[in-house]
Amino acid sequence: MPVTIDITKDVLYLDGLEKGLLEGEQKGLLEGERRGLLEGIELGLELKHGFAGLELMNIVRAINTLDKLEEFKNLIKTAGSVNELKEFLTKNV
């Protein structure tokens, strides 16, 4: 007679499942924050610099840290020209 084991009740299985769910949730939250920042940056560039600002979005999307995206978003508020923004992107991408 075969022996069957229900691994869904095993402590190791449950620990691994919980860890995987938490990691997935964290990645989802970070991706959501990144998307929100990108949308805000795009709006800021369009409102302040028009089409010339929007042309920077391909470069902006290459920024891979939330801190740098946040820094760039704040720079949009104070930058006097698209060239200032390009300079930041050149140094940080």
PDB file of N, CA and C in Angstrom:
ATOM      1  N   MET A   1       0.839  -1.171   0.000  1.00  0.00           N
ATOM      2  CA  MET A   1       0.000   0.000   0.000  1.00  0.00           C
ATOM      3  C   MET A   1       0.894   1.248   0.000  1.00  0.00           C
ATOM      4  N   PRO A   2       0.672   2.168  -0.966  1.00  0.00           N
ATOM      5  CA  PRO A   2       1.535   3.349  -1.050  1.00  0.00           C
ATOM      6  C   PRO A   2       1.313   4.313   0.120  1.00  0.00           C
ATOM      7  N   VAL A   3       2.387   4.976   0.480  1.00  0.00           N
ATOM      8  CA  VAL A   3       2.321   5.966   1.550  1.00  0.00           C
ATOM      9  C   VAL A   3       2.145   7.337   0.902  1.00  0.00           C
ATOM     10  N   THR A   4       1.161   8.065   1.340  1.00  0.00           N
ATOM     11  CA  THR A   4       0.948   9.419   0.814  1.00  0.00           C
ATOM     12  C   THR A   4       1.221  10.431   1.918  1.00  0.00           C
ATOM     13  N   ILE A   5       1.837  11.505   1.512  1.00  0.00           N
ATOM     14  CA  ILE A   5       2.176  12.565   2.459  1.00  0.00           C
ATOM     15  C   ILE A   5       1.611  13.873   1.912  1.00  0.00           C
ATOM     16  N   ASP A   6       0.903  14.586   2.731  1.00  0.00           N
ATOM     17  CA  ASP A   6       0.358  15.886   2.344  1.00  0.00           C
ATOM     18  C   ASP A   6       1.377  16.962   2.721  1.00  0.00           C
ATOM     19  N   ILE A   7       2.165  17.394   1.727  1.00  0.00           N
ATOM     20  CA  ILE A   7       3.222  18.374   2.024  1.00  0.00           C
ATOM     21  C   ILE A   7       2.659  19.752   2.338  1.00  0.00           C
ATOM     22  N   THR A   8       1.414  20.004   2.004  1.00  0.00           N
ATOM     23  CA  THR A   8       0.839  21.329   2.266  1.00  0.00           C
ATOM     24  C   THR A   8       0.688  21.610   3.753  1.00  0.00           C
ATOM     25  N   LYS A   9       0.868  20.601   4.570  1.00  0.00           N
ATOM     26  CA  LYS A   9       0.804  20.796   6.020  1.00  0.00           C
ATOM     27  C   LYS A   9       2.190  20.745   6.658  1.00  0.00           C
ATOM     28  N   ASP A  10       3.199  20.518   5.854  1.00  0.00           N
ATOM     29  CA  ASP A  10       4.571  20.422   6.348  1.00  0.00           C
ATOM     30  C   ASP A  10       5.084  21.816   6.718  1.00  0.00           C
ATOM     31  N   VAL A  11       5.783  21.921   7.840  1.00  0.00           N
ATOM     32  CA  VAL A  11       6.301  23.195   8.333  1.00  0.00           C
ATOM     33  C   VAL A  11       7.253  23.837   7.322  1.00  0.00           C
ATOM     34  N   LEU A  12       8.152  23.057   6.744  1.00  0.00           N
ATOM     35  CA  LEU A  12       9.099  23.603   5.770  1.00  0.00           C
ATOM     36  C   LEU A  12       8.374  24.145   4.543  1.00  0.00           C
ATOM     37  N   TYR A  13       7.378  23.418   4.086  1.00  0.00           N
ATOM     38  CA  TYR A  13       6.590  23.863   2.936  1.00  0.00           C
ATOM     39  C   TYR A  13       5.878  25.175   3.260  1.00  0.00           C
ATOM     40  N   LEU A  14       5.253  25.239   4.416  1.00  0.00           N
ATOM     41  CA  LEU A  14       4.512  26.439   4.808  1.00  0.00           C
ATOM     42  C   LEU A  14       5.438  27.634   4.985  1.00  0.00           C
ATOM     43  N   ASP A  15       6.624  27.411   5.561  1.00  0.00           N
ATOM     44  CA  ASP A  15       7.603  28.493   5.711  1.00  0.00           C
ATOM     45  C   ASP A  15       8.050  29.005   4.348  1.00  0.00           C
ATOM     46  N   GLY A  16       8.335  28.088   3.445  1.00  0.00           N
ATOM     47  CA  GLY A  16       8.755  28.474   2.098  1.00  0.00           C
ATOM     48  C   GLY A  16       7.658  29.207   1.357  1.00  0.00           C
ATOM     49  N   LEU A  17       6.442  28.747   1.504  1.00  0.00           N
ATOM     50  CA  LEU A  17       5.302  29.393   0.861  1.00  0.00           C
ATOM     51  C   LEU A  17       5.124  30.813   1.380  1.00  0.00           C
ATOM     52  N   GLU A  18       5.195  30.977   2.690  1.00  0.00           N
ATOM     53  CA  GLU A  18       5.042  32.297   3.291  1.00  0.00           C
ATOM     54  C   GLU A  18       6.154  33.243   2.824  1.00  0.00           C
ATOM     55  N   LYS A  19       7.372  32.736   2.803  1.00  0.00           N
ATOM     56  CA  LYS A  19       8.504  33.553   2.361  1.00  0.00           C
ATOM     57  C   LYS A  19       8.323  33.965   0.900  1.00  0.00           C
ATOM     58  N   GLY A  20       7.904  33.038   0.067  1.00  0.00           N
ATOM     59  CA  GLY A  20       7.682  33.342  -1.343  1.00  0.00           C
ATOM     60  C   GLY A  20       6.584  34.372  -1.544  1.00  0.00           C
ATOM     61  N   LEU A  21       5.518  34.251  -0.782  1.00  0.00           N
ATOM     62  CA  LEU A  21       4.424  35.217  -0.881  1.00  0.00           C
ATOM     63  C   LEU A  21       4.869  36.609  -0.448  1.00  0.00           C
ATOM     64  N   LEU A  22       5.636  36.686   0.626  1.00  0.00           N
ATOM     65  CA  LEU A  22       6.131  37.979   1.102  1.00  0.00           C
ATOM     66  C   LEU A  22       7.069  38.622   0.088  1.00  0.00           C
ATOM     67  N   GLU A  23       7.957  37.822  -0.497  1.00  0.00           N
ATOM     68  CA  GLU A  23       8.874  38.353  -1.507  1.00  0.00           C
ATOM     69  C   GLU A  23       8.104  38.845  -2.727  1.00  0.00           C
ATOM     70  N   GLY A  24       7.108  38.091  -3.142  1.00  0.00           N
ATOM     71  CA  GLY A  24       6.296  38.494  -4.287  1.00  0.00           C
ATOM     72  C   GLY A  24       5.534  39.777  -4.013  1.00  0.00           C
ATOM     73  N   GLU A  25       5.000  39.891  -2.810  1.00  0.00           N
ATOM     74  CA  GLU A  25       4.271  41.099  -2.435  1.00  0.00           C
ATOM     75  C   GLU A  25       5.203  42.308  -2.424  1.00  0.00           C
ATOM     76  N   GLN A  26       6.397  42.129  -1.882  1.00  0.00           N
ATOM     77  CA  GLN A  26       7.361  43.222  -1.814  1.00  0.00           C
ATOM     78  C   GLN A  26       7.769  43.666  -3.216  1.00  0.00           C
ATOM     79  N   LYS A  27       8.033  42.715  -4.104  1.00  0.00           N
ATOM     80  CA  LYS A  27       8.395  43.063  -5.481  1.00  0.00           C
ATOM     81  C   LYS A  27       7.257  43.806  -6.161  1.00  0.00           C
ATOM     82  N   GLY A  28       6.031  43.375  -5.907  1.00  0.00           N
ATOM     83  CA  GLY A  28       4.871  44.038  -6.488  1.00  0.00           C
ATOM     84  C   GLY A  28       4.729  45.472  -5.999  1.00  0.00           C
ATOM     85  N   LEU A  29       4.953  45.679  -4.716  1.00  0.00           N
ATOM     86  CA  LEU A  29       4.874  47.030  -4.165  1.00  0.00           C
ATOM     87  C   LEU A  29       5.949  47.936  -4.753  1.00  0.00           C
ATOM     88  N   LEU A  30       7.161  47.418  -4.881  1.00  0.00           N
ATOM     89  CA  LEU A  30       8.249  48.211  -5.458  1.00  0.00           C
ATOM     90  C   LEU A  30       7.964  48.555  -6.912  1.00  0.00           C
ATOM     91  N   GLU A  31       7.440  47.600  -7.668  1.00  0.00           N
ATOM     92  CA  GLU A  31       7.121  47.854  -9.073  1.00  0.00           C
ATOM     93  C   GLU A  31       5.995  48.877  -9.182  1.00  0.00           C
ATOM     94  N   GLY A  32       5.028  48.798  -8.282  1.00  0.00           N
ATOM     95  CA  GLY A  32       3.947  49.778  -8.274  1.00  0.00           C
ATOM     96  C   GLY A  32       4.460  51.173  -7.961  1.00  0.00           C
ATOM     97  N   GLU A  33       5.370  51.270  -7.012  1.00  0.00           N
ATOM     98  CA  GLU A  33       5.959  52.568  -6.667  1.00  0.00           C
ATOM     99  C   GLU A  33       6.762  53.114  -7.846  1.00  0.00           C
ATOM    100  N   ARG A  34       7.490  52.244  -8.521  1.00  0.00           N
ATOM    101  CA  ARG A  34       8.281  52.659  -9.689  1.00  0.00           C
ATOM    102  C   ARG A  34       7.372  53.183 -10.794  1.00  0.00           C
ATOM    103  N   ARG A  35       6.296  52.469 -11.064  1.00  0.00           N
ATOM    104  CA  ARG A  35       5.356  52.907 -12.106  1.00  0.00           C
ATOM    105  C   ARG A  35       4.738  54.255 -11.753  1.00  0.00           C
ATOM    106  N   GLY A  36       4.377  54.417 -10.483  1.00  0.00           N
ATOM    107  CA  GLY A  36       3.807  55.684 -10.044  1.00  0.00           C
ATOM    108  C   GLY A  36       4.781  56.839 -10.206  1.00  0.00           C
ATOM    109  N   LEU A  37       6.033  56.605  -9.836  1.00  0.00           N
ATOM    110  CA  LEU A  37       7.055  57.640 -10.010  1.00  0.00           C
ATOM    111  C   LEU A  37       7.236  57.988 -11.484  1.00  0.00           C
ATOM    112  N   LEU A  38       7.281  56.974 -12.334  1.00  0.00           N
ATOM    113  CA  LEU A  38       7.449  57.228 -13.768  1.00  0.00           C
ATOM    114  C   LEU A  38       6.279  58.032 -14.329  1.00  0.00           C
ATOM    115  N   GLU A  39       5.069  57.725 -13.895  1.00  0.00           N
ATOM    116  CA  GLU A  39       3.907  58.486 -14.358  1.00  0.00           C
ATOM    117  C   GLU A  39       3.981  59.932 -13.883  1.00  0.00           C
ATOM    118  N   GLY A  40       4.374  60.132 -12.633  1.00  0.00           N
ATOM    119  CA  GLY A  40       4.514  61.481 -12.099  1.00  0.00           C
ATOM    120  C   GLY A  40       5.604  62.264 -12.809  1.00  0.00           C
ATOM    121  N   ILE A  41       6.713  61.609 -13.077  1.00  0.00           N
ATOM    122  CA  ILE A  41       7.818  62.253 -13.790  1.00  0.00           C
ATOM    123  C   ILE A  41       7.375  62.643 -15.191  1.00  0.00           C
ATOM    124  N   GLU A  42       6.682  61.736 -15.866  1.00  0.00           N
ATOM    125  CA  GLU A  42       6.220  62.024 -17.226  1.00  0.00           C
ATOM    126  C   GLU A  42       5.286  63.235 -17.234  1.00  0.00           C
ATOM    127  N   LEU A  43       4.378  63.290 -16.287  1.00  0.00           N
ATOM    128  CA  LEU A  43       3.462  64.423 -16.201  1.00  0.00           C
ATOM    129  C   LEU A  43       4.224  65.714 -15.918  1.00  0.00           C
ATOM    130  N   GLY A  44       5.162  65.661 -14.973  1.00  0.00           N
ATOM    131  CA  GLY A  44       5.952  66.845 -14.652  1.00  0.00           C
ATOM    132  C   GLY A  44       6.758  67.346 -15.834  1.00  0.00           C
ATOM    133  N   LEU A  45       7.372  66.428 -16.562  1.00  0.00           N
ATOM    134  CA  LEU A  45       8.151  66.816 -17.741  1.00  0.00           C
ATOM    135  C   LEU A  45       7.262  67.454 -18.799  1.00  0.00           C
ATOM    136  N   GLU A  46       6.087  66.873 -19.001  1.00  0.00           N
ATOM    137  CA  GLU A  46       5.178  67.406 -20.019  1.00  0.00           C
ATOM    138  C   GLU A  46       4.664  68.790 -19.630  1.00  0.00           C
ATOM    139  N   LEU A  47       4.271  68.950 -18.380  1.00  0.00           N
ATOM    140  CA  LEU A  47       3.722  70.230 -17.946  1.00  0.00           C
ATOM    141  C   LEU A  47       4.763  71.340 -17.938  1.00  0.00           C
ATOM    142  N   LYS A  48       5.963  71.023 -17.526  1.00  0.00           N
ATOM    143  CA  LYS A  48       6.986  72.062 -17.383  1.00  0.00           C
ATOM    144  C   LYS A  48       7.784  72.303 -18.660  1.00  0.00           C
ATOM    145  N   HIS A  49       8.041  71.242 -19.433  1.00  0.00           N
ATOM    146  CA  HIS A  49       8.943  71.389 -20.580  1.00  0.00           C
ATOM    147  C   HIS A  49       8.339  70.936 -21.904  1.00  0.00           C
ATOM    148  N   GLY A  50       7.091  70.516 -21.901  1.00  0.00           N
ATOM    149  CA  GLY A  50       6.424  70.127 -23.140  1.00  0.00           C
ATOM    150  C   GLY A  50       7.062  68.907 -23.797  1.00  0.00           C
ATOM    151  N   PHE A  51       7.038  68.920 -25.120  1.00  0.00           N
ATOM    152  CA  PHE A  51       7.550  67.776 -25.879  1.00  0.00           C
ATOM    153  C   PHE A  51       9.034  67.532 -25.610  1.00  0.00           C
ATOM    154  N   ALA A  52       9.798  68.606 -25.445  1.00  0.00           N
ATOM    155  CA  ALA A  52      11.239  68.457 -25.177  1.00  0.00           C
ATOM    156  C   ALA A  52      11.470  67.675 -23.884  1.00  0.00           C
ATOM    157  N   GLY A  53      10.614  67.886 -22.902  1.00  0.00           N
ATOM    158  CA  GLY A  53      10.728  67.135 -21.659  1.00  0.00           C
ATOM    159  C   GLY A  53      10.337  65.679 -21.827  1.00  0.00           C
ATOM    160  N   LEU A  54       9.277  65.448 -22.600  1.00  0.00           N
ATOM    161  CA  LEU A  54       8.819  64.073 -22.822  1.00  0.00           C
ATOM    162  C   LEU A  54       9.845  63.229 -23.562  1.00  0.00           C
ATOM    163  N   GLU A  55      10.667  63.877 -24.369  1.00  0.00           N
ATOM    164  CA  GLU A  55      11.703  63.137 -25.099  1.00  0.00           C
ATOM    165  C   GLU A  55      12.702  62.465 -24.158  1.00  0.00           C
ATOM    166  N   LEU A  56      12.755  62.907 -22.918  1.00  0.00           N
ATOM    167  CA  LEU A  56      13.688  62.330 -21.940  1.00  0.00           C
ATOM    168  C   LEU A  56      13.182  61.022 -21.326  1.00  0.00           C
ATOM    169  N   MET A  57      11.916  60.706 -21.538  1.00  0.00           N
ATOM    170  CA  MET A  57      11.321  59.554 -20.843  1.00  0.00           C
ATOM    171  C   MET A  57      12.006  58.224 -21.152  1.00  0.00           C
ATOM    172  N   ASN A  58      12.484  58.030 -22.364  1.00  0.00           N
ATOM    173  CA  ASN A  58      13.178  56.766 -22.666  1.00  0.00           C
ATOM    174  C   ASN A  58      14.419  56.605 -21.793  1.00  0.00           C
ATOM    175  N   ILE A  59      15.101  57.704 -21.554  1.00  0.00           N
ATOM    176  CA  ILE A  59      16.291  57.657 -20.699  1.00  0.00           C
ATOM    177  C   ILE A  59      15.868  57.465 -19.241  1.00  0.00           C
ATOM    178  N   VAL A  60      14.813  58.173 -18.837  1.00  0.00           N
ATOM    179  CA  VAL A  60      14.329  58.087 -17.457  1.00  0.00           C
ATOM    180  C   VAL A  60      13.940  56.651 -17.118  1.00  0.00           C
ATOM    181  N   ARG A  61      13.318  55.956 -18.046  1.00  0.00           N
ATOM    182  CA  ARG A  61      12.892  54.575 -17.793  1.00  0.00           C
ATOM    183  C   ARG A  61      14.077  53.638 -17.544  1.00  0.00           C
ATOM    184  N   ALA A  62      15.262  54.051 -17.950  1.00  0.00           N
ATOM    185  CA  ALA A  62      16.461  53.233 -17.737  1.00  0.00           C
ATOM    186  C   ALA A  62      17.005  53.369 -16.315  1.00  0.00           C
ATOM    187  N   ILE A  63      16.524  54.355 -15.564  1.00  0.00           N
ATOM    188  CA  ILE A  63      16.948  54.507 -14.170  1.00  0.00           C
ATOM    189  C   ILE A  63      16.391  53.323 -13.387  1.00  0.00           C
ATOM    190  N   ASN A  64      17.261  52.633 -12.662  1.00  0.00           N
ATOM    191  CA  ASN A  64      16.817  51.389 -12.032  1.00  0.00           C
ATOM    192  C   ASN A  64      16.664  51.443 -10.515  1.00  0.00           C
ATOM    193  N   THR A  65      16.821  52.611  -9.908  1.00  0.00           N
ATOM    194  CA  THR A  65      16.601  52.695  -8.465  1.00  0.00           C
ATOM    195  C   THR A  65      15.517  53.726  -8.165  1.00  0.00           C
ATOM    196  N   LEU A  66      14.733  53.431  -7.153  1.00  0.00           N
ATOM    197  CA  LEU A  66      13.675  54.358  -6.757  1.00  0.00           C
ATOM    198  C   LEU A  66      14.253  55.662  -6.227  1.00  0.00           C
ATOM    199  N   ASP A  67      15.391  55.589  -5.553  1.00  0.00           N
ATOM    200  CA  ASP A  67      16.021  56.798  -5.019  1.00  0.00           C
ATOM    201  C   ASP A  67      16.389  57.773  -6.131  1.00  0.00           C
ATOM    202  N   LYS A  68      16.964  57.255  -7.209  1.00  0.00           N
ATOM    203  CA  LYS A  68      17.352  58.122  -8.332  1.00  0.00           C
ATOM    204  C   LYS A  68      16.119  58.683  -9.039  1.00  0.00           C
ATOM    205  N   LEU A  69      15.075  57.863  -9.167  1.00  0.00           N
ATOM    206  CA  LEU A  69      13.835  58.367  -9.769  1.00  0.00           C
ATOM    207  C   LEU A  69      13.242  59.483  -8.914  1.00  0.00           C
ATOM    208  N   GLU A  70      13.252  59.295  -7.613  1.00  0.00           N
ATOM    209  CA  GLU A  70      12.744  60.315  -6.692  1.00  0.00           C
ATOM    210  C   GLU A  70      13.576  61.593  -6.798  1.00  0.00           C
ATOM    211  N   GLU A  71      14.884  61.423  -6.870  1.00  0.00           N
ATOM    212  CA  GLU A  71      15.790  62.567  -7.006  1.00  0.00           C
ATOM    213  C   GLU A  71      15.509  63.318  -8.306  1.00  0.00           C
ATOM    214  N   PHE A  72      15.299  62.582  -9.385  1.00  0.00           N
ATOM    215  CA  PHE A  72      15.008  63.208 -10.674  1.00  0.00           C
ATOM    216  C   PHE A  72      13.658  63.923 -10.631  1.00  0.00           C
ATOM    217  N   LYS A  73      12.673  63.306 -10.004  1.00  0.00           N
ATOM    218  CA  LYS A  73      11.351  63.936  -9.881  1.00  0.00           C
ATOM    219  C   LYS A  73      11.468  65.280  -9.168  1.00  0.00           C
ATOM    220  N   ASN A  74      12.246  65.324  -8.101  1.00  0.00           N
ATOM    221  CA  ASN A  74      12.432  66.572  -7.367  1.00  0.00           C
ATOM    222  C   ASN A  74      13.214  67.594  -8.179  1.00  0.00           C
ATOM    223  N   LEU A  75      14.126  67.130  -9.007  1.00  0.00           N
ATOM    224  CA  LEU A  75      14.908  68.031  -9.850  1.00  0.00           C
ATOM    225  C   LEU A  75      14.029  68.726 -10.882  1.00  0.00           C
ATOM    226  N   ILE A  76      13.005  68.038 -11.360  1.00  0.00           N
ATOM    227  CA  ILE A  76      12.100  68.637 -12.348  1.00  0.00           C
ATOM    228  C   ILE A  76      11.511  69.933 -11.799  1.00  0.00           C
ATOM    229  N   LYS A  77      11.210  69.960 -10.512  1.00  0.00           N
ATOM    230  CA  LYS A  77      10.607  71.139  -9.885  1.00  0.00           C
ATOM    231  C   LYS A  77      11.535  72.347  -9.925  1.00  0.00           C
ATOM    232  N   THR A  78      12.831  72.110  -9.790  1.00  0.00           N
ATOM    233  CA  THR A  78      13.774  73.225  -9.657  1.00  0.00           C
ATOM    234  C   THR A  78      14.582  73.511 -10.914  1.00  0.00           C
ATOM    235  N   ALA A  79      14.635  72.558 -11.823  1.00  0.00           N
ATOM    236  CA  ALA A  79      15.466  72.732 -13.026  1.00  0.00           C
ATOM    237  C   ALA A  79      14.908  73.854 -13.895  1.00  0.00           C
ATOM    238  N   GLY A  80      15.811  74.669 -14.393  1.00  0.00           N
ATOM    239  CA  GLY A  80      15.406  75.770 -15.252  1.00  0.00           C
ATOM    240  C   GLY A  80      15.324  75.394 -16.713  1.00  0.00           C
ATOM    241  N   SER A  81      15.935  74.273 -17.071  1.00  0.00           N
ATOM    242  CA  SER A  81      15.946  73.890 -18.486  1.00  0.00           C
ATOM    243  C   SER A  81      16.014  72.372 -18.628  1.00  0.00           C
ATOM    244  N   VAL A  82      15.696  71.929 -19.830  1.00  0.00           N
ATOM    245  CA  VAL A  82      15.801  70.506 -20.152  1.00  0.00           C
ATOM    246  C   VAL A  82      17.262  70.073 -20.089  1.00  0.00           C
ATOM    247  N   ASN A  83      18.166  70.980 -20.410  1.00  0.00           N
ATOM    248  CA  ASN A  83      19.595  70.641 -20.376  1.00  0.00           C
ATOM    249  C   ASN A  83      20.059  70.258 -18.967  1.00  0.00           C
ATOM    250  N   GLU A  84      19.519  70.919 -17.952  1.00  0.00           N
ATOM    251  CA  GLU A  84      19.859  70.545 -16.571  1.00  0.00           C
ATOM    252  C   GLU A  84      19.412  69.114 -16.279  1.00  0.00           C
ATOM    253  N   LEU A  85      18.241  68.769 -16.776  1.00  0.00           N
ATOM    254  CA  LEU A  85      17.720  67.414 -16.580  1.00  0.00           C
ATOM    255  C   LEU A  85      18.560  66.397 -17.339  1.00  0.00           C
ATOM    256  N   LYS A  86      18.949  66.750 -18.562  1.00  0.00           N
ATOM    257  CA  LYS A  86      19.797  65.858 -19.362  1.00  0.00           C
ATOM    258  C   LYS A  86      21.128  65.618 -18.667  1.00  0.00           C
ATOM    259  N   GLU A  87      21.666  66.663 -18.061  1.00  0.00           N
ATOM    260  CA  GLU A  87      22.943  66.538 -17.349  1.00  0.00           C
ATOM    261  C   GLU A  87      22.819  65.528 -16.207  1.00  0.00           C
ATOM    262  N   PHE A  88      21.735  65.613 -15.450  1.00  0.00           N
ATOM    263  CA  PHE A  88      21.501  64.646 -14.369  1.00  0.00           C
ATOM    264  C   PHE A  88      21.421  63.232 -14.931  1.00  0.00           C
ATOM    265  N   LEU A  89      20.666  63.072 -16.005  1.00  0.00           N
ATOM    266  CA  LEU A  89      20.483  61.745 -16.591  1.00  0.00           C
ATOM    267  C   LEU A  89      21.792  61.183 -17.124  1.00  0.00           C
ATOM    268  N   THR A  90      22.605  62.030 -17.706  1.00  0.00           N
ATOM    269  CA  THR A  90      23.900  61.588 -18.232  1.00  0.00           C
ATOM    270  C   THR A  90      24.777  61.028 -17.112  1.00  0.00           C
ATOM    271  N   LYS A  91      24.723  61.655 -15.960  1.00  0.00           N
ATOM    272  CA  LYS A  91      25.550  61.226 -14.834  1.00  0.00           C
ATOM    273  C   LYS A  91      24.980  60.016 -14.089  1.00  0.00           C
ATOM    274  N   ASN A  92      23.679  59.786 -14.199  1.00  0.00           N
ATOM    275  CA  ASN A  92      23.036  58.784 -13.347  1.00  0.00           C
ATOM    276  C   ASN A  92      22.442  57.583 -14.064  1.00  0.00           C
ATOM    277  N   VAL A  93      22.578  57.508 -15.360  1.00  0.00           N
ATOM    278  CA  VAL A  93      22.037  56.341 -16.076  1.00  0.00           C
ATOM    279  C   VAL A  93      23.177  55.537 -16.643  1.00  0.00           C
TER     280      VAL A  93
END
